[in-house]
Amino acid sequence: MFQPLMALIRPAPDGEYRFLFNWAHFLVGTSAHILAGQGLNWSRKVNMWRS
């Protein structure tokens, strides 16, 4: 969902606002990893992975 938006607003590699894009990219990626981990923990709590 965020990837197309980030691609549209991405500045040139030597652009003035590239550092802001880099931070936004880092924060979105880190948030995705955290949410994925939380989703796995939640699925274990509700026994979605029955073995």
PDB file of N, CA and C in Angstrom:
ATOM      1  N   MET A   1       0.826  -1.186   0.000  1.00  0.00           N
ATOM      2  CA  MET A   1       0.000   0.000   0.000  1.00  0.00           C
ATOM      3  C   MET A   1       0.874   1.255   0.000  1.00  0.00           C
ATOM      4  N   PHE A   2       1.933   1.252   0.774  1.00  0.00           N
ATOM      5  CA  PHE A   2       2.799   2.418   0.831  1.00  0.00           C
ATOM      6  C   PHE A   2       3.823   2.449  -0.300  1.00  0.00           C
ATOM      7  N   GLN A   3       4.135   1.278  -0.859  1.00  0.00           N
ATOM      8  CA  GLN A   3       5.178   1.224  -1.871  1.00  0.00           C
ATOM      9  C   GLN A   3       4.889   2.100  -3.089  1.00  0.00           C
ATOM     10  N   PRO A   4       3.685   2.060  -3.681  1.00  0.00           N
ATOM     11  CA  PRO A   4       3.428   2.940  -4.824  1.00  0.00           C
ATOM     12  C   PRO A   4       3.509   4.424  -4.465  1.00  0.00           C
ATOM     13  N   LEU A   5       3.030   4.786  -3.296  1.00  0.00           N
ATOM     14  CA  LEU A   5       3.102   6.184  -2.863  1.00  0.00           C
ATOM     15  C   LEU A   5       4.552   6.612  -2.666  1.00  0.00           C
ATOM     16  N   MET A   6       5.338   5.760  -2.030  1.00  0.00           N
ATOM     17  CA  MET A   6       6.748   6.086  -1.821  1.00  0.00           C
ATOM     18  C   MET A   6       7.471   6.203  -3.158  1.00  0.00           C
ATOM     19  N   ALA A   7       7.117   5.375  -4.121  1.00  0.00           N
ATOM     20  CA  ALA A   7       7.757   5.450  -5.440  1.00  0.00           C
ATOM     21  C   ALA A   7       7.414   6.760  -6.143  1.00  0.00           C
ATOM     22  N   LEU A   8       6.201   7.244  -5.949  1.00  0.00           N
ATOM     23  CA  LEU A   8       5.798   8.493  -6.592  1.00  0.00           C
ATOM     24  C   LEU A   8       6.514   9.712  -6.017  1.00  0.00           C
ATOM     25  N   ILE A   9       6.804   9.677  -4.740  1.00  0.00           N
ATOM     26  CA  ILE A   9       7.409  10.857  -4.103  1.00  0.00           C
ATOM     27  C   ILE A   9       8.919  10.726  -3.929  1.00  0.00           C
ATOM     28  N   ARG A  10       9.505   9.644  -4.440  1.00  0.00           N
ATOM     29  CA  ARG A  10      10.947   9.434  -4.256  1.00  0.00           C
ATOM     30  C   ARG A  10      11.750  10.484  -5.013  1.00  0.00           C
ATOM     31  N   PRO A  11      12.629  11.184  -4.316  1.00  0.00           N
ATOM     32  CA  PRO A  11      13.479  12.182  -4.980  1.00  0.00           C
ATOM     33  C   PRO A  11      14.668  11.512  -5.689  1.00  0.00           C
ATOM     34  N   ALA A  12      15.380  12.287  -6.452  1.00  0.00           N
ATOM     35  CA  ALA A  12      16.586  11.797  -7.126  1.00  0.00           C
ATOM     36  C   ALA A  12      17.630  11.407  -6.079  1.00  0.00           C
ATOM     37  N   PRO A  13      18.561  10.520  -6.433  1.00  0.00           N
ATOM     38  CA  PRO A  13      19.578  10.097  -5.457  1.00  0.00           C
ATOM     39  C   PRO A  13      20.373  11.240  -4.838  1.00  0.00           C
ATOM     40  N   ASP A  14      20.548  12.319  -5.560  1.00  0.00           N
ATOM     41  CA  ASP A  14      21.275  13.458  -4.999  1.00  0.00           C
ATOM     42  C   ASP A  14      20.347  14.634  -4.700  1.00  0.00           C
ATOM     43  N   GLY A  15      19.051  14.338  -4.561  1.00  0.00           N
ATOM     44  CA  GLY A  15      18.058  15.376  -4.309  1.00  0.00           C
ATOM     45  C   GLY A  15      18.178  15.988  -2.929  1.00  0.00           C
ATOM     46  N   GLU A  16      17.617  17.176  -2.809  1.00  0.00           N
ATOM     47  CA  GLU A  16      17.691  17.931  -1.553  1.00  0.00           C
ATOM     48  C   GLU A  16      16.965  17.219  -0.401  1.00  0.00           C
ATOM     49  N   TYR A  17      15.872  16.535  -0.717  1.00  0.00           N
ATOM     50  CA  TYR A  17      15.052  15.902   0.317  1.00  0.00           C
ATOM     51  C   TYR A  17      15.240  14.397   0.388  1.00  0.00           C
ATOM     52  N   ARG A  18      16.310  13.891  -0.173  1.00  0.00           N
ATOM     53  CA  ARG A  18      16.552  12.446  -0.164  1.00  0.00           C
ATOM     54  C   ARG A  18      16.675  11.902   1.252  1.00  0.00           C
ATOM     55  N   PHE A  19      17.266  12.657   2.162  1.00  0.00           N
ATOM     56  CA  PHE A  19      17.420  12.172   3.536  1.00  0.00           C
ATOM     57  C   PHE A  19      16.062  11.931   4.197  1.00  0.00           C
ATOM     58  N   LEU A  20      15.060  12.769   3.870  1.00  0.00           N
ATOM     59  CA  LEU A  20      13.718  12.557   4.417  1.00  0.00           C
ATOM     60  C   LEU A  20      13.106  11.280   3.860  1.00  0.00           C
ATOM     61  N   PHE A  21      13.297  11.054   2.574  1.00  0.00           N
ATOM     62  CA  PHE A  21      12.794   9.836   1.962  1.00  0.00           C
ATOM     63  C   PHE A  21      13.461   8.611   2.591  1.00  0.00           C
ATOM     64  N   ASN A  22      14.764   8.689   2.806  1.00  0.00           N
ATOM     65  CA  ASN A  22      15.475   7.559   3.404  1.00  0.00           C
ATOM     66  C   ASN A  22      14.937   7.240   4.796  1.00  0.00           C
ATOM     67  N   TRP A  23      14.671   8.257   5.590  1.00  0.00           N
ATOM     68  CA  TRP A  23      14.102   8.025   6.922  1.00  0.00           C
ATOM     69  C   TRP A  23      12.693   7.445   6.830  1.00  0.00           C
ATOM     70  N   ALA A  24      11.879   7.985   5.926  1.00  0.00           N
ATOM     71  CA  ALA A  24      10.516   7.457   5.757  1.00  0.00           C
ATOM     72  C   ALA A  24      10.563   6.006   5.304  1.00  0.00           C
ATOM     73  N   HIS A  25      11.463   5.705   4.391  1.00  0.00           N
ATOM     74  CA  HIS A  25      11.611   4.341   3.897  1.00  0.00           C
ATOM     75  C   HIS A  25      12.016   3.394   5.035  1.00  0.00           C
ATOM     76  N   PHE A  26      12.949   3.834   5.854  1.00  0.00           N
ATOM     77  CA  PHE A  26      13.386   3.044   7.006  1.00  0.00           C
ATOM     78  C   PHE A  26      12.233   2.810   7.985  1.00  0.00           C
ATOM     79  N   LEU A  27      11.482   3.865   8.293  1.00  0.00           N
ATOM     80  CA  LEU A  27      10.392   3.743   9.265  1.00  0.00           C
ATOM     81  C   LEU A  27       9.269   2.843   8.757  1.00  0.00           C
ATOM     82  N   VAL A  28       8.925   2.951   7.487  1.00  0.00           N
ATOM     83  CA  VAL A  28       7.877   2.096   6.925  1.00  0.00           C
ATOM     84  C   VAL A  28       8.324   0.633   6.948  1.00  0.00           C
ATOM     85  N   GLY A  29       9.570   0.375   6.556  1.00  0.00           N
ATOM     86  CA  GLY A  29      10.075  -0.998   6.564  1.00  0.00           C
ATOM     87  C   GLY A  29      10.149  -1.587   7.956  1.00  0.00           C
ATOM     88  N   THR A  30      10.630  -0.809   8.912  1.00  0.00           N
ATOM     89  CA  THR A  30      10.723  -1.277  10.294  1.00  0.00           C
ATOM     90  C   THR A  30       9.336  -1.538  10.872  1.00  0.00           C
ATOM     91  N   SER A  31       8.396  -0.663  10.573  1.00  0.00           N
ATOM     92  CA  SER A  31       7.022  -0.861  11.047  1.00  0.00           C
ATOM     93  C   SER A  31       6.422  -2.138  10.471  1.00  0.00           C
ATOM     94  N   ALA A  32       6.699  -2.417   9.215  1.00  0.00           N
ATOM     95  CA  ALA A  32       6.195  -3.644   8.594  1.00  0.00           C
ATOM     96  C   ALA A  32       6.759  -4.878   9.291  1.00  0.00           C
ATOM     97  N   HIS A  33       8.032  -4.857   9.631  1.00  0.00           N
ATOM     98  CA  HIS A  33       8.624  -5.991  10.339  1.00  0.00           C
ATOM     99  C   HIS A  33       8.014  -6.157  11.724  1.00  0.00           C
ATOM    100  N   ILE A  34       7.810  -5.072  12.423  1.00  0.00           N
ATOM    101  CA  ILE A  34       7.221  -5.143  13.764  1.00  0.00           C
ATOM    102  C   ILE A  34       5.801  -5.676  13.691  1.00  0.00           C
ATOM    103  N   LEU A  35       5.012  -5.176  12.752  1.00  0.00           N
ATOM    104  CA  LEU A  35       3.632  -5.647  12.612  1.00  0.00           C
ATOM    105  C   LEU A  35       3.570  -7.116  12.209  1.00  0.00           C
ATOM    106  N   ALA A  36       4.514  -7.568  11.388  1.00  0.00           N
ATOM    107  CA  ALA A  36       4.552  -8.975  11.006  1.00  0.00           C
ATOM    108  C   ALA A  36       4.832  -9.851  12.229  1.00  0.00           C
ATOM    109  N   GLY A  37       5.770  -9.421  13.053  1.00  0.00           N
ATOM    110  CA  GLY A  37       6.060 -10.173  14.276  1.00  0.00           C
ATOM    111  C   GLY A  37       4.882 -10.218  15.223  1.00  0.00           C
ATOM    112  N   GLN A  38       4.205  -9.096  15.364  1.00  0.00           N
ATOM    113  CA  GLN A  38       3.021  -9.058  16.218  1.00  0.00           C
ATOM    114  C   GLN A  38       1.913  -9.951  15.668  1.00  0.00           C
ATOM    115  N   GLY A  39       1.781  -9.983  14.354  1.00  0.00           N
ATOM    116  CA  GLY A  39       0.780 -10.854  13.738  1.00  0.00           C
ATOM    117  C   GLY A  39       1.075 -12.321  14.004  1.00  0.00           C
ATOM    118  N   LEU A  40       2.347 -12.703  13.948  1.00  0.00           N
ATOM    119  CA  LEU A  40       2.709 -14.087  14.264  1.00  0.00           C
ATOM    120  C   LEU A  40       2.425 -14.407  15.731  1.00  0.00           C
ATOM    121  N   ASN A  41       2.764 -13.486  16.617  1.00  0.00           N
ATOM    122  CA  ASN A  41       2.472 -13.712  18.039  1.00  0.00           C
ATOM    123  C   ASN A  41       0.981 -13.827  18.285  1.00  0.00           C
ATOM    124  N   TRP A  42       0.204 -12.998  17.649  1.00  0.00           N
ATOM    125  CA  TRP A  42      -1.252 -13.046  17.807  1.00  0.00           C
ATOM    126  C   TRP A  42      -1.802 -14.374  17.306  1.00  0.00           C
ATOM    127  N   SER A  43      -1.283 -14.830  16.152  1.00  0.00           N
ATOM    128  CA  SER A  43      -1.801 -16.083  15.588  1.00  0.00           C
ATOM    129  C   SER A  43      -1.485 -17.267  16.498  1.00  0.00           C
ATOM    130  N   ARG A  44      -0.373 -17.219  17.216  1.00  0.00           N
ATOM    131  CA  ARG A  44      -0.068 -18.293  18.167  1.00  0.00           C
ATOM    132  C   ARG A  44      -1.027 -18.260  19.346  1.00  0.00           C
ATOM    133  N   LYS A  45      -1.381 -17.073  19.780  1.00  0.00           N
ATOM    134  CA  LYS A  45      -2.279 -16.944  20.932  1.00  0.00           C
ATOM    135  C   LYS A  45      -3.669 -17.472  20.626  1.00  0.00           C
ATOM    136  N   VAL A  46      -4.122 -17.331  19.399  1.00  0.00           N
ATOM    137  CA  VAL A  46      -5.477 -17.780  19.057  1.00  0.00           C
ATOM    138  C   VAL A  46      -5.458 -19.156  18.392  1.00  0.00           C
ATOM    139  N   ASN A  47      -4.320 -19.846  18.478  1.00  0.00           N
ATOM    140  CA  ASN A  47      -4.162 -21.206  17.965  1.00  0.00           C
ATOM    141  C   ASN A  47      -4.474 -21.325  16.481  1.00  0.00           C
ATOM    142  N   MET A  48      -3.989 -20.389  15.696  1.00  0.00           N
ATOM    143  CA  MET A  48      -4.167 -20.522  14.255  1.00  0.00           C
ATOM    144  C   MET A  48      -3.202 -21.554  13.684  1.00  0.00           C
ATOM    145  N   TRP A  49      -2.096 -21.788  14.360  1.00  0.00           N
ATOM    146  CA  TRP A  49      -1.090 -22.751  13.894  1.00  0.00           C
ATOM    147  C   TRP A  49      -1.224 -24.012  14.731  1.00  0.00           C
ATOM    148  N   ARG A  50      -2.175 -24.829  14.392  1.00  0.00           N
ATOM    149  CA  ARG A  50      -2.382 -26.067  15.160  1.00  0.00           C
ATOM    150  C   ARG A  50      -1.479 -27.146  14.611  1.00  0.00           C
ATOM    151  N   SER A  51      -0.783 -27.821  15.520  1.00  0.00           N
ATOM    152  CA  SER A  51       0.070 -28.919  15.064  1.00  0.00           C
ATOM    153  C   SER A  51      -0.232 -30.187  15.802  1.00  0.00           C
TER     154      SER A  51
END
